[in-house]
Amino acid sequence: MDVRVRKALLAKIQETISSSDEILKIQQMLLRRISLTSRDDFVFGIAVGRIYNSFHYQTRRALNRNATNEEFAEFLEILAKRADEVKNAVKQQDK
């Protein structure tokens, strides 16, 4: 993975952890309109969506192309290593 994309990805993960209050606000707004079986999974999905979007956006912005399969695999490895941290951060906001 290009160092610029990796740096942006790691920054987005940290930003997602630090600004989990925004995710809580999205959750609260949407839960008034739709029913869910697991709020924790829903909030985690929002967080992962933000990070996933950032990965693709930064790849296109920095490299002027879509990510390769290898870069996507590296993204998945990075996300997997920090997934529990992200999930716990957004879960704490809901208490």
Protein backbone atom coordinates (compact mmCIF):
# COMPACT_ATOMS: atom_id res chain seq x y z
CA MET A 1 0.00 0.00 0.00
CA ASP A 2 1.29 3.44 -0.87
CA VAL A 3 2.66 5.22 2.20
CA ARG A 4 0.32 8.20 1.62
CA VAL A 5 -2.74 5.98 1.57
CA ARG A 6 -1.56 4.02 4.61
CA LYS A 7 -0.95 7.25 6.53
CA ALA A 8 -4.43 8.56 5.62
CA LEU A 9 -6.02 5.23 6.56
CA LEU A 10 -4.37 5.11 9.97
CA ALA A 11 -5.35 8.74 10.55
CA LYS A 12 -8.98 7.96 9.63
CA ILE A 13 -9.05 5.04 12.04
CA GLN A 14 -7.78 7.30 14.83
CA GLU A 15 -10.23 10.04 13.83
CA THR A 16 -13.09 7.53 13.91
CA ILE A 17 -12.07 6.44 17.40
CA SER A 18 -11.67 10.05 18.57
CA SER A 19 -14.88 11.39 17.04
CA SER A 20 -17.19 8.55 17.85
CA ASP A 21 -19.69 11.13 19.09
CA GLU A 22 -20.55 11.87 15.44
CA ILE A 23 -21.36 8.21 14.92
CA LEU A 24 -23.59 8.28 17.98
CA LYS A 25 -25.50 11.23 16.51
CA ILE A 26 -26.00 9.35 13.24
CA GLN A 27 -27.18 6.32 15.19
CA GLN A 28 -29.65 8.32 17.27
CA MET A 29 -31.11 10.01 14.20
CA LEU A 30 -31.49 6.77 12.23
CA LEU A 31 -32.85 4.72 15.10
CA ARG A 32 -35.84 7.04 15.21
CA ARG A 33 -36.64 5.92 11.66
CA ILE A 34 -35.60 2.26 11.41
CA SER A 35 -35.53 -0.72 13.75
CA LEU A 36 -32.37 -2.72 14.38
CA THR A 37 -31.58 -5.91 16.21
CA SER A 38 -28.10 -4.83 17.34
CA ARG A 39 -27.22 -1.19 17.97
CA ASP A 40 -23.58 -2.05 18.60
CA ASP A 41 -23.24 -3.74 15.22
CA PHE A 42 -25.03 -0.85 13.53
CA VAL A 43 -22.70 1.74 15.05
CA PHE A 44 -19.66 -0.37 14.22
CA GLY A 45 -20.92 -0.58 10.63
CA ILE A 46 -21.04 3.22 10.41
CA ALA A 47 -17.47 3.44 11.71
CA VAL A 48 -16.18 0.79 9.30
CA GLY A 49 -18.01 2.54 6.45
CA ARG A 50 -16.22 5.79 7.22
CA ILE A 51 -12.85 4.06 7.25
CA TYR A 52 -13.59 2.06 4.09
CA ASN A 53 -14.69 5.19 2.25
CA SER A 54 -11.53 7.00 3.32
CA PHE A 55 -9.34 4.15 2.04
CA HIS A 56 -10.90 4.31 -1.42
CA TYR A 57 -11.02 8.10 -1.53
CA GLN A 58 -7.39 8.49 -0.48
CA THR A 59 -6.24 5.86 -2.96
CA ARG A 60 -7.95 7.70 -5.80
CA ARG A 61 -6.78 11.10 -4.57
CA ALA A 62 -3.16 10.18 -3.88
CA LEU A 63 -2.61 7.66 -6.67
CA ASN A 64 -5.22 8.66 -9.25
CA ARG A 65 -6.43 5.07 -9.49
CA ASN A 66 -8.44 2.45 -7.68
CA ALA A 67 -6.80 0.24 -5.10
CA THR A 68 -5.24 -3.00 -6.22
CA ASN A 69 -6.26 -6.34 -4.72
CA GLU A 70 -3.03 -6.34 -2.73
CA GLU A 71 -3.71 -2.87 -1.34
CA PHE A 72 -7.23 -3.87 -0.40
CA ALA A 73 -5.87 -6.96 1.37
CA GLU A 74 -3.50 -4.72 3.31
CA PHE A 75 -6.42 -2.43 4.19
CA LEU A 76 -8.29 -5.45 5.57
CA GLU A 77 -5.26 -6.45 7.65
CA ILE A 78 -4.96 -2.96 9.13
CA LEU A 79 -8.66 -2.77 9.84
CA ALA A 80 -8.69 -6.23 11.43
CA LYS A 81 -5.85 -5.25 13.79
CA ARG A 82 -7.77 -2.20 15.04
CA ALA A 83 -11.37 -3.41 14.70
CA ASP A 84 -11.83 -4.16 18.40
CA GLU A 85 -10.47 -0.74 19.32
CA VAL A 86 -12.86 0.97 16.90
CA LYS A 87 -15.84 -1.10 18.05
CA ASN A 88 -15.09 -0.44 21.72
CA ALA A 89 -14.69 3.30 21.10
CA VAL A 90 -18.05 3.69 19.38
CA LYS A 91 -19.73 1.32 21.84
CA GLN A 92 -18.56 3.42 24.81
CA GLN A 93 -20.25 6.49 23.37
CA ASP A 94 -23.61 4.77 23.52
CA LYS A 95 -23.54 4.34 27.30
